[in-house]
Amino acid sequence: MAAIYAIHVRTLPPPTTYAKSRAILNALQQFGRVNSFLSLRYFQSSKSPNTSLAIFESEESFRRALDSSPLYVAPLGSESGAEDEMVCELSISRMDHVRNARYNQYSGTFSVDRQSMSYHDLTASGAPLDEYADCAVVDKPRLSSVKREKSSNHATTPYGSLMDMWRHEGRTDGPGDK
């Protein structure tokens, strides 16, 4: 399994707008590709409006970002300069991101609801794959790991995830197809 280069970002004062959160992400991207950036401000369970998580693609980017802590970030287009400046303290994230991904409703296999009205409407409209015509994820129960293995109705594609399917734009020449 690949290593996860995750950083816990504590920002003072807390970002209060999308533009300020975007400025933090832009500052982190100066060290290398950021695969995931999540502000915990919008989570009801979070008691830390000043906390974000960032996952870097490479260890080199991860190390350079940690070595640069603290970061001083001003939102783009900020006219007041130092007044709007945020201080970001970076540390290694202790969160178990792999375990957390298992609970993400957008991660893992899913069963295609071929009975829904949206499915029938979208397939009739020419959706390139049945999986694209599936109903919204929030309306569906997750499959348990046992059901995932035994389910004959789950989506079987040569792609590992919905994101891979999207990247291939519905083409049938996925990995494994010749």
N, C-alpha and C. Protein backbone atom coordinates (compact mmCIF):
# COMPACT_ATOMS: atom_id res chain seq x y z
N MET A 1 0.84 -1.18 0.00
CA MET A 1 0.00 0.00 0.00
C MET A 1 0.88 1.24 0.00
N ALA A 2 0.49 2.25 -0.75
CA ALA A 2 1.25 3.48 -0.86
C ALA A 2 1.17 4.29 0.43
N ALA A 3 2.24 5.00 0.69
CA ALA A 3 2.27 5.87 1.86
C ALA A 3 1.35 7.07 1.62
N ILE A 4 0.80 7.59 2.69
CA ILE A 4 -0.07 8.75 2.59
C ILE A 4 0.66 9.93 3.22
N TYR A 5 0.89 10.95 2.42
CA TYR A 5 1.63 12.12 2.86
C TYR A 5 0.64 13.21 3.25
N ALA A 6 0.08 13.06 4.44
CA ALA A 6 -1.00 13.95 4.89
C ALA A 6 -0.48 14.97 5.90
N ILE A 7 -0.98 16.18 5.73
CA ILE A 7 -0.59 17.29 6.60
C ILE A 7 -1.84 17.88 7.26
N HIS A 8 -1.71 18.17 8.53
CA HIS A 8 -2.75 18.85 9.31
C HIS A 8 -2.40 20.33 9.28
N VAL A 9 -3.33 21.16 8.82
CA VAL A 9 -3.10 22.59 8.69
C VAL A 9 -3.96 23.32 9.71
N ARG A 10 -3.33 24.05 10.61
CA ARG A 10 -4.05 24.85 11.61
C ARG A 10 -3.84 26.31 11.24
N THR A 11 -4.95 27.02 10.97
CA THR A 11 -4.88 28.38 10.44
C THR A 11 -5.45 29.39 11.44
N LEU A 12 -4.69 30.45 11.68
CA LEU A 12 -5.14 31.55 12.55
C LEU A 12 -4.97 32.86 11.81
N PRO A 13 -5.96 33.70 11.75
CA PRO A 13 -7.35 33.45 12.10
C PRO A 13 -7.96 32.44 11.12
N PRO A 14 -9.04 31.78 11.55
CA PRO A 14 -9.66 30.77 10.68
C PRO A 14 -10.13 31.37 9.36
N PRO A 15 -10.01 30.63 8.26
CA PRO A 15 -10.53 31.15 6.98
C PRO A 15 -12.05 31.24 7.05
N THR A 16 -12.57 32.38 6.68
CA THR A 16 -14.02 32.60 6.79
C THR A 16 -14.72 32.61 5.44
N THR A 17 -13.94 32.55 4.38
CA THR A 17 -14.54 32.55 3.04
C THR A 17 -13.87 31.47 2.20
N TYR A 18 -14.54 31.15 1.10
CA TYR A 18 -13.97 30.18 0.16
C TYR A 18 -12.65 30.72 -0.41
N ALA A 19 -12.59 32.01 -0.67
CA ALA A 19 -11.37 32.61 -1.23
C ALA A 19 -10.18 32.42 -0.29
N LYS A 20 -10.41 32.53 0.99
CA LYS A 20 -9.32 32.33 1.96
C LYS A 20 -8.88 30.88 2.01
N SER A 21 -9.83 29.95 1.96
CA SER A 21 -9.46 28.53 1.92
C SER A 21 -8.70 28.23 0.64
N ARG A 22 -9.14 28.81 -0.47
CA ARG A 22 -8.46 28.61 -1.75
C ARG A 22 -7.04 29.16 -1.71
N ALA A 23 -6.84 30.27 -1.00
CA ALA A 23 -5.50 30.85 -0.87
C ALA A 23 -4.57 29.89 -0.11
N ILE A 24 -5.11 29.21 0.89
CA ILE A 24 -4.32 28.22 1.64
C ILE A 24 -3.92 27.07 0.72
N LEU A 25 -4.87 26.57 -0.06
CA LEU A 25 -4.57 25.50 -1.01
C LEU A 25 -3.52 25.96 -2.02
N ASN A 26 -3.65 27.16 -2.55
CA ASN A 26 -2.67 27.68 -3.50
C ASN A 26 -1.28 27.74 -2.88
N ALA A 27 -1.20 28.16 -1.62
CA ALA A 27 0.10 28.22 -0.94
C ALA A 27 0.70 26.82 -0.79
N LEU A 28 -0.13 25.83 -0.48
CA LEU A 28 0.36 24.46 -0.34
C LEU A 28 0.81 23.89 -1.68
N GLN A 29 0.13 24.26 -2.75
CA GLN A 29 0.46 23.74 -4.08
C GLN A 29 1.80 24.26 -4.59
N GLN A 30 2.36 25.26 -3.95
CA GLN A 30 3.69 25.74 -4.33
C GLN A 30 4.76 24.69 -4.03
N PHE A 31 4.47 23.75 -3.13
CA PHE A 31 5.44 22.72 -2.76
C PHE A 31 5.30 21.48 -3.62
N GLY A 32 4.21 21.34 -4.35
CA GLY A 32 3.97 20.19 -5.20
C GLY A 32 2.49 19.89 -5.28
N ARG A 33 2.16 18.84 -6.01
CA ARG A 33 0.75 18.48 -6.23
C ARG A 33 0.06 18.07 -4.93
N VAL A 34 -1.10 18.67 -4.69
CA VAL A 34 -1.95 18.32 -3.55
C VAL A 34 -3.09 17.48 -4.11
N ASN A 35 -3.12 16.21 -3.72
CA ASN A 35 -4.16 15.30 -4.23
C ASN A 35 -5.51 15.55 -3.57
N SER A 36 -5.49 15.98 -2.33
CA SER A 36 -6.75 16.19 -1.60
C SER A 36 -6.57 17.34 -0.61
N PHE A 37 -7.57 18.20 -0.56
CA PHE A 37 -7.57 19.31 0.40
C PHE A 37 -8.97 19.40 0.98
N LEU A 38 -9.06 19.35 2.28
CA LEU A 38 -10.36 19.32 2.93
C LEU A 38 -10.37 20.27 4.12
N SER A 39 -11.26 21.24 4.09
CA SER A 39 -11.44 22.14 5.21
C SER A 39 -12.48 21.53 6.15
N LEU A 40 -12.12 21.36 7.40
CA LEU A 40 -13.04 20.75 8.36
C LEU A 40 -14.07 21.75 8.90
N ARG A 41 -13.97 22.97 8.45
CA ARG A 41 -14.89 24.03 8.88
C ARG A 41 -16.35 23.68 8.59
N TYR A 42 -16.60 22.96 7.51
CA TYR A 42 -17.97 22.70 7.08
C TYR A 42 -18.53 21.38 7.61
N PHE A 43 -17.79 20.67 8.41
CA PHE A 43 -18.27 19.42 8.98
C PHE A 43 -18.94 19.69 10.31
N GLN A 44 -20.17 19.18 10.48
CA GLN A 44 -20.89 19.42 11.72
C GLN A 44 -20.17 18.82 12.92
N SER A 45 -19.51 17.68 12.71
CA SER A 45 -18.83 17.01 13.82
C SER A 45 -17.52 17.69 14.19
N SER A 46 -17.05 18.60 13.36
CA SER A 46 -15.78 19.26 13.61
C SER A 46 -15.94 20.39 14.61
N LYS A 47 -15.05 20.41 15.56
CA LYS A 47 -15.02 21.50 16.53
C LYS A 47 -13.84 22.42 16.25
N SER A 48 -13.28 22.29 15.03
CA SER A 48 -12.11 23.06 14.66
C SER A 48 -12.33 23.80 13.35
N PRO A 49 -12.91 25.00 13.41
CA PRO A 49 -13.14 25.74 12.17
C PRO A 49 -11.85 26.22 11.52
N ASN A 50 -10.74 26.10 12.22
CA ASN A 50 -9.47 26.57 11.67
C ASN A 50 -8.58 25.41 11.19
N THR A 51 -9.15 24.23 11.00
CA THR A 51 -8.37 23.06 10.63
C THR A 51 -8.68 22.60 9.21
N SER A 52 -7.61 22.25 8.48
CA SER A 52 -7.72 21.66 7.14
C SER A 52 -6.79 20.47 7.07
N LEU A 53 -7.06 19.59 6.13
CA LEU A 53 -6.19 18.46 5.87
C LEU A 53 -5.77 18.52 4.41
N ALA A 54 -4.49 18.23 4.15
CA ALA A 54 -3.98 18.20 2.79
C ALA A 54 -3.18 16.92 2.60
N ILE A 55 -3.38 16.27 1.47
CA ILE A 55 -2.61 15.06 1.15
C ILE A 55 -1.80 15.36 -0.10
N PHE A 56 -0.49 15.25 0.04
CA PHE A 56 0.43 15.51 -1.07
C PHE A 56 0.67 14.23 -1.86
N GLU A 57 1.00 14.40 -3.13
CA GLU A 57 1.25 13.26 -4.00
C GLU A 57 2.60 12.62 -3.72
N SER A 58 3.61 13.43 -3.37
CA SER A 58 4.95 12.88 -3.19
C SER A 58 5.50 13.22 -1.81
N GLU A 59 6.43 12.39 -1.39
CA GLU A 59 7.08 12.62 -0.10
C GLU A 59 7.92 13.88 -0.12
N GLU A 60 8.53 14.17 -1.26
CA GLU A 60 9.35 15.37 -1.38
C GLU A 60 8.52 16.63 -1.13
N SER A 61 7.35 16.72 -1.77
CA SER A 61 6.46 17.87 -1.58
C SER A 61 6.00 17.95 -0.13
N PHE A 62 5.66 16.81 0.43
CA PHE A 62 5.21 16.71 1.82
C PHE A 62 6.29 17.26 2.77
N ARG A 63 7.54 16.84 2.58
CA ARG A 63 8.65 17.29 3.43
C ARG A 63 8.93 18.78 3.27
N ARG A 64 8.91 19.25 2.03
CA ARG A 64 9.17 20.68 1.80
C ARG A 64 8.10 21.54 2.47
N ALA A 65 6.85 21.10 2.42
CA ALA A 65 5.77 21.86 3.06
C ALA A 65 5.96 21.87 4.57
N LEU A 66 6.26 20.73 5.16
CA LEU A 66 6.47 20.67 6.61
C LEU A 66 7.64 21.55 7.04
N ASP A 67 8.70 21.54 6.24
CA ASP A 67 9.89 22.33 6.59
C ASP A 67 9.64 23.83 6.49
N SER A 68 8.61 24.23 5.75
CA SER A 68 8.34 25.66 5.56
C SER A 68 7.41 26.23 6.63
N SER A 69 6.92 25.39 7.53
CA SER A 69 5.96 25.86 8.54
C SER A 69 6.63 26.85 9.48
N PRO A 70 5.93 27.92 9.85
CA PRO A 70 4.58 28.33 9.48
C PRO A 70 4.55 29.06 8.13
N LEU A 71 3.41 28.94 7.47
CA LEU A 71 3.18 29.64 6.20
C LEU A 71 2.39 30.92 6.50
N TYR A 72 2.73 31.98 5.80
CA TYR A 72 1.98 33.23 5.91
C TYR A 72 1.23 33.41 4.60
N VAL A 73 -0.09 33.40 4.67
CA VAL A 73 -0.93 33.39 3.47
C VAL A 73 -1.87 34.59 3.48
N ALA A 74 -1.89 35.32 2.36
CA ALA A 74 -2.85 36.41 2.17
C ALA A 74 -3.78 36.01 1.04
N PRO A 75 -5.09 36.22 1.19
CA PRO A 75 -6.02 35.88 0.12
C PRO A 75 -5.71 36.66 -1.15
N LEU A 76 -6.01 36.05 -2.29
CA LEU A 76 -5.79 36.72 -3.57
C LEU A 76 -6.64 37.98 -3.63
N GLY A 77 -6.06 39.05 -4.13
CA GLY A 77 -6.79 40.30 -4.25
C GLY A 77 -6.97 41.04 -2.94
N SER A 78 -6.26 40.61 -1.92
CA SER A 78 -6.38 41.27 -0.61
C SER A 78 -5.73 42.65 -0.67
N GLU A 79 -6.50 43.67 -0.30
CA GLU A 79 -5.99 45.04 -0.36
C GLU A 79 -5.43 45.50 0.97
N SER A 80 -5.89 44.89 2.06
CA SER A 80 -5.44 45.35 3.36
C SER A 80 -4.15 44.70 3.81
N GLY A 81 -3.59 43.79 2.99
CA GLY A 81 -2.28 43.21 3.26
C GLY A 81 -2.22 42.41 4.54
N ALA A 82 -1.45 42.93 5.51
CA ALA A 82 -1.17 42.19 6.74
C ALA A 82 -2.42 41.91 7.57
N GLU A 83 -3.45 42.74 7.44
CA GLU A 83 -4.68 42.52 8.21
C GLU A 83 -5.36 41.21 7.83
N ASP A 84 -5.34 40.86 6.55
CA ASP A 84 -5.99 39.64 6.07
C ASP A 84 -5.08 38.43 6.11
N GLU A 85 -3.82 38.64 6.46
CA GLU A 85 -2.85 37.54 6.42
C GLU A 85 -3.21 36.47 7.44
N MET A 86 -3.10 35.21 7.01
CA MET A 86 -3.36 34.05 7.88
C MET A 86 -2.05 33.33 8.12
N VAL A 87 -1.91 32.77 9.31
CA VAL A 87 -0.72 31.99 9.65
C VAL A 87 -1.15 30.52 9.69
N CYS A 88 -0.48 29.70 8.88
CA CYS A 88 -0.81 28.27 8.80
C CYS A 88 0.33 27.46 9.41
N GLU A 89 0.01 26.77 10.50
CA GLU A 89 0.98 25.87 11.12
C GLU A 89 0.75 24.48 10.56
N LEU A 90 1.80 23.87 10.02
CA LEU A 90 1.70 22.57 9.37
C LEU A 90 2.32 21.49 10.25
N SER A 91 1.62 20.38 10.38
CA SER A 91 2.15 19.24 11.12
C SER A 91 1.69 17.96 10.45
N ILE A 92 2.31 16.85 10.81
CA ILE A 92 1.93 15.56 10.23
C ILE A 92 0.55 15.19 10.73
N SER A 93 -0.32 14.78 9.83
CA SER A 93 -1.67 14.38 10.20
C SER A 93 -1.64 13.00 10.84
N ARG A 94 -2.33 12.85 11.95
CA ARG A 94 -2.40 11.56 12.65
C ARG A 94 -3.67 10.80 12.31
N MET A 95 -4.49 11.37 11.44
CA MET A 95 -5.76 10.76 11.05
C MET A 95 -5.50 9.51 10.21
N ASP A 96 -6.29 8.47 10.38
CA ASP A 96 -6.17 7.26 9.58
C ASP A 96 -6.99 7.45 8.31
N HIS A 97 -6.35 7.96 7.26
CA HIS A 97 -7.06 8.32 6.04
C HIS A 97 -7.57 7.11 5.28
N VAL A 98 -6.87 5.99 5.36
CA VAL A 98 -7.31 4.78 4.67
C VAL A 98 -8.61 4.28 5.30
N ARG A 99 -8.64 4.22 6.63
CA ARG A 99 -9.86 3.79 7.34
C ARG A 99 -11.01 4.76 7.07
N ASN A 100 -10.69 6.04 7.04
CA ASN A 100 -11.70 7.06 6.78
C ASN A 100 -12.30 6.92 5.39
N ALA A 101 -11.49 6.56 4.41
CA ALA A 101 -11.97 6.41 3.03
C ALA A 101 -12.99 5.28 2.93
N ARG A 102 -12.87 4.28 3.77
CA ARG A 102 -13.82 3.16 3.74
C ARG A 102 -15.23 3.63 4.08
N TYR A 103 -15.35 4.70 4.86
CA TYR A 103 -16.65 5.21 5.26
C TYR A 103 -17.18 6.28 4.31
N ASN A 104 -16.39 6.64 3.32
CA ASN A 104 -16.79 7.65 2.35
C ASN A 104 -17.78 7.02 1.37
N GLN A 105 -18.93 7.62 1.22
CA GLN A 105 -19.96 7.05 0.35
C GLN A 105 -19.56 7.07 -1.13
N TYR A 106 -18.55 7.85 -1.49
CA TYR A 106 -18.12 7.92 -2.87
C TYR A 106 -16.94 6.99 -3.16
N SER A 107 -16.57 6.18 -2.20
CA SER A 107 -15.43 5.28 -2.35
C SER A 107 -15.90 3.83 -2.34
N GLY A 108 -15.39 3.03 -3.24
CA GLY A 108 -15.71 1.61 -3.25
C GLY A 108 -16.76 1.25 -4.29
N THR A 109 -17.17 0.00 -4.26
CA THR A 109 -18.14 -0.48 -5.24
C THR A 109 -19.54 0.02 -4.92
N PHE A 110 -20.40 -0.07 -5.89
CA PHE A 110 -21.77 0.36 -5.70
C PHE A 110 -22.67 -0.48 -6.60
N SER A 111 -23.91 -0.57 -6.23
CA SER A 111 -24.84 -1.31 -7.07
C SER A 111 -25.63 -0.30 -7.91
N VAL A 112 -25.80 -0.61 -9.17
CA VAL A 112 -26.54 0.27 -10.07
C VAL A 112 -28.03 0.04 -9.86
N ASP A 113 -28.75 1.10 -9.58
CA ASP A 113 -30.19 1.02 -9.37
C ASP A 113 -30.91 1.11 -10.72
N ARG A 114 -31.16 -0.03 -11.29
CA ARG A 114 -31.77 -0.07 -12.63
C ARG A 114 -33.29 0.11 -12.59
N GLN A 115 -33.85 0.31 -11.41
CA GLN A 115 -35.29 0.50 -11.26
C GLN A 115 -35.69 1.97 -11.17
N SER A 116 -34.73 2.84 -10.95
CA SER A 116 -35.08 4.25 -10.72
C SER A 116 -35.50 4.94 -12.01
N MET A 117 -36.31 5.96 -11.86
CA MET A 117 -36.77 6.75 -13.00
C MET A 117 -35.59 7.47 -13.65
N SER A 118 -34.67 7.99 -12.83
CA SER A 118 -33.53 8.71 -13.39
C SER A 118 -32.68 7.78 -14.26
N TYR A 119 -32.52 6.54 -13.84
CA TYR A 119 -31.75 5.56 -14.62
C TYR A 119 -32.39 5.36 -15.99
N HIS A 120 -33.70 5.12 -16.01
CA HIS A 120 -34.39 4.89 -17.28
C HIS A 120 -34.35 6.12 -18.18
N ASP A 121 -34.50 7.29 -17.58
CA ASP A 121 -34.47 8.53 -18.36
C ASP A 121 -33.09 8.76 -18.96
N LEU A 122 -32.04 8.58 -18.15
CA LEU A 122 -30.69 8.84 -18.64
C LEU A 122 -30.21 7.81 -19.65
N THR A 123 -30.57 6.55 -19.46
CA THR A 123 -30.17 5.54 -20.45
C THR A 123 -30.90 5.78 -21.78
N ALA A 124 -32.16 6.20 -21.69
CA ALA A 124 -32.91 6.52 -22.91
C ALA A 124 -32.33 7.74 -23.62
N SER A 125 -31.69 8.64 -22.83
CA SER A 125 -31.09 9.85 -23.40
C SER A 125 -29.71 9.58 -23.98
N GLY A 126 -29.20 8.36 -23.77
CA GLY A 126 -27.92 8.01 -24.38
C GLY A 126 -26.72 8.04 -23.45
N ALA A 127 -26.89 7.76 -22.16
CA ALA A 127 -25.74 7.70 -21.26
C ALA A 127 -24.78 6.61 -21.77
N PRO A 128 -23.47 6.91 -21.87
CA PRO A 128 -22.54 5.96 -22.46
C PRO A 128 -22.36 4.67 -21.65
N LEU A 129 -22.54 4.74 -20.35
CA LEU A 129 -22.45 3.56 -19.48
C LEU A 129 -23.63 3.57 -18.51
N ASP A 130 -24.08 2.39 -18.12
CA ASP A 130 -25.17 2.30 -17.14
C ASP A 130 -24.79 3.01 -15.84
N GLU A 131 -23.52 2.94 -15.46
CA GLU A 131 -23.07 3.53 -14.20
C GLU A 131 -23.25 5.05 -14.19
N TYR A 132 -23.16 5.69 -15.35
CA TYR A 132 -23.39 7.14 -15.43
C TYR A 132 -24.85 7.49 -15.21
N ALA A 133 -25.74 6.56 -15.46
CA ALA A 133 -27.17 6.81 -15.35
C ALA A 133 -27.71 6.44 -13.98
N ASP A 134 -26.85 6.06 -13.07
CA ASP A 134 -27.29 5.63 -11.75
C ASP A 134 -27.83 6.82 -10.96
N CYS A 135 -28.65 6.51 -9.95
CA CYS A 135 -29.26 7.57 -9.13
C CYS A 135 -28.21 8.17 -8.18
N ALA A 136 -28.58 9.22 -7.51
CA ALA A 136 -27.67 9.90 -6.59
C ALA A 136 -27.23 8.96 -5.47
N VAL A 137 -25.98 9.09 -5.08
CA VAL A 137 -25.40 8.23 -4.05
C VAL A 137 -26.09 8.41 -2.71
N VAL A 138 -26.55 9.61 -2.40
CA VAL A 138 -27.16 9.85 -1.10
C VAL A 138 -28.44 9.07 -0.91
N ASP A 139 -29.06 8.62 -2.00
CA ASP A 139 -30.30 7.86 -1.90
C ASP A 139 -30.07 6.37 -1.72
N LYS A 140 -28.82 5.93 -1.75
CA LYS A 140 -28.52 4.51 -1.78
C LYS A 140 -27.85 4.03 -0.50
N PRO A 141 -28.19 2.83 -0.08
CA PRO A 141 -27.45 2.25 1.05
C PRO A 141 -26.09 1.76 0.56
N ARG A 142 -25.10 1.82 1.43
CA ARG A 142 -23.77 1.28 1.08
C ARG A 142 -23.80 -0.22 1.18
N LEU A 143 -22.98 -0.85 0.38
CA LEU A 143 -22.85 -2.30 0.45
C LEU A 143 -21.83 -2.66 1.52
N SER A 144 -22.15 -3.64 2.35
CA SER A 144 -21.16 -4.11 3.32
C SER A 144 -20.06 -4.83 2.56
N SER A 145 -18.92 -5.05 3.19
CA SER A 145 -17.81 -5.69 2.49
C SER A 145 -18.16 -7.10 2.05
N VAL A 146 -18.98 -7.82 2.82
CA VAL A 146 -19.39 -9.17 2.43
C VAL A 146 -20.30 -9.10 1.22
N LYS A 147 -21.26 -8.17 1.24
CA LYS A 147 -22.18 -8.03 0.12
C LYS A 147 -21.45 -7.58 -1.13
N ARG A 148 -20.41 -6.75 -0.96
CA ARG A 148 -19.64 -6.31 -2.12
C ARG A 148 -19.03 -7.48 -2.86
N GLU A 149 -18.50 -8.44 -2.09
CA GLU A 149 -17.85 -9.58 -2.71
C GLU A 149 -18.86 -10.52 -3.35
N LYS A 150 -20.04 -10.67 -2.74
CA LYS A 150 -21.02 -11.63 -3.22
C LYS A 150 -22.02 -11.06 -4.21
N SER A 151 -22.14 -9.75 -4.24
CA SER A 151 -23.17 -9.12 -5.07
C SER A 151 -22.89 -9.33 -6.55
N SER A 152 -23.87 -9.85 -7.25
CA SER A 152 -23.71 -10.02 -8.69
C SER A 152 -24.28 -8.80 -9.41
N ASN A 153 -24.91 -7.89 -8.65
CA ASN A 153 -25.55 -6.73 -9.24
C ASN A 153 -24.68 -5.48 -9.15
N HIS A 154 -23.48 -5.61 -8.55
CA HIS A 154 -22.66 -4.40 -8.41
C HIS A 154 -22.02 -4.04 -9.74
N ALA A 155 -21.64 -2.80 -9.84
CA ALA A 155 -21.09 -2.29 -11.08
C ALA A 155 -19.77 -2.99 -11.40
N THR A 156 -19.72 -3.62 -12.53
CA THR A 156 -18.49 -4.29 -12.94
C THR A 156 -17.93 -3.55 -14.13
N THR A 157 -16.89 -2.79 -13.90
CA THR A 157 -16.22 -2.07 -14.96
C THR A 157 -14.74 -2.35 -14.83
N PRO A 158 -13.98 -2.12 -15.87
CA PRO A 158 -12.54 -2.32 -15.78
C PRO A 158 -11.85 -1.20 -14.99
N TYR A 159 -12.62 -0.21 -14.55
CA TYR A 159 -12.06 0.92 -13.82
C TYR A 159 -12.17 0.67 -12.33
N GLY A 160 -11.25 1.21 -11.57
CA GLY A 160 -11.24 0.99 -10.13
C GLY A 160 -12.16 1.89 -9.35
N SER A 161 -12.64 2.97 -9.95
CA SER A 161 -13.46 3.92 -9.20
C SER A 161 -14.32 4.73 -10.16
N LEU A 162 -15.26 5.48 -9.60
CA LEU A 162 -16.09 6.37 -10.41
C LEU A 162 -15.23 7.44 -11.08
N MET A 163 -14.19 7.89 -10.37
CA MET A 163 -13.32 8.92 -10.92
C MET A 163 -12.59 8.39 -12.15
N ASP A 164 -12.10 7.13 -12.09
CA ASP A 164 -11.45 6.54 -13.25
C ASP A 164 -12.42 6.42 -14.42
N MET A 165 -13.66 6.04 -14.12
CA MET A 165 -14.68 5.93 -15.15
C MET A 165 -14.89 7.30 -15.82
N TRP A 166 -14.98 8.32 -15.01
CA TRP A 166 -15.19 9.68 -15.51
C TRP A 166 -14.01 10.12 -16.37
N ARG A 167 -12.78 9.81 -15.91
CA ARG A 167 -11.60 10.21 -16.67
C ARG A 167 -11.57 9.57 -18.05
N HIS A 168 -12.08 8.35 -18.14
CA HIS A 168 -12.07 7.67 -19.42
C HIS A 168 -13.30 8.01 -20.27
N GLU A 169 -14.14 8.90 -19.78
CA GLU A 169 -15.29 9.46 -20.50
C GLU A 169 -16.18 8.42 -21.14
N GLY A 170 -16.38 7.32 -20.43
CA GLY A 170 -17.32 6.34 -20.91
C GLY A 170 -16.82 5.43 -22.00
N ARG A 171 -15.53 5.50 -22.33
CA ARG A 171 -14.98 4.60 -23.35
C ARG A 171 -14.94 3.18 -22.81
N THR A 172 -15.06 2.20 -23.66
CA THR A 172 -15.05 0.81 -23.21
C THR A 172 -13.67 0.20 -23.25
N ASP A 173 -12.67 0.97 -23.66
CA ASP A 173 -11.31 0.43 -23.74
C ASP A 173 -10.54 0.71 -22.46
N GLY A 174 -11.05 0.23 -21.34
CA GLY A 174 -10.42 0.45 -20.05
C GLY A 174 -9.31 -0.54 -19.81
N PRO A 175 -8.67 -0.45 -18.64
CA PRO A 175 -7.62 -1.39 -18.33
C PRO A 175 -8.19 -2.80 -18.29
N GLY A 176 -7.51 -3.73 -18.85
CA GLY A 176 -8.00 -5.10 -18.87
C GLY A 176 -8.67 -5.46 -20.19
N ASP A 177 -9.16 -4.45 -20.95
CA ASP A 177 -9.77 -4.71 -22.25
C ASP A 177 -8.68 -4.64 -23.32
N LYS A 178 -8.78 -5.46 -24.29
CA LYS A 178 -7.79 -5.44 -25.38
C LYS A 178 -8.43 -4.95 -26.64
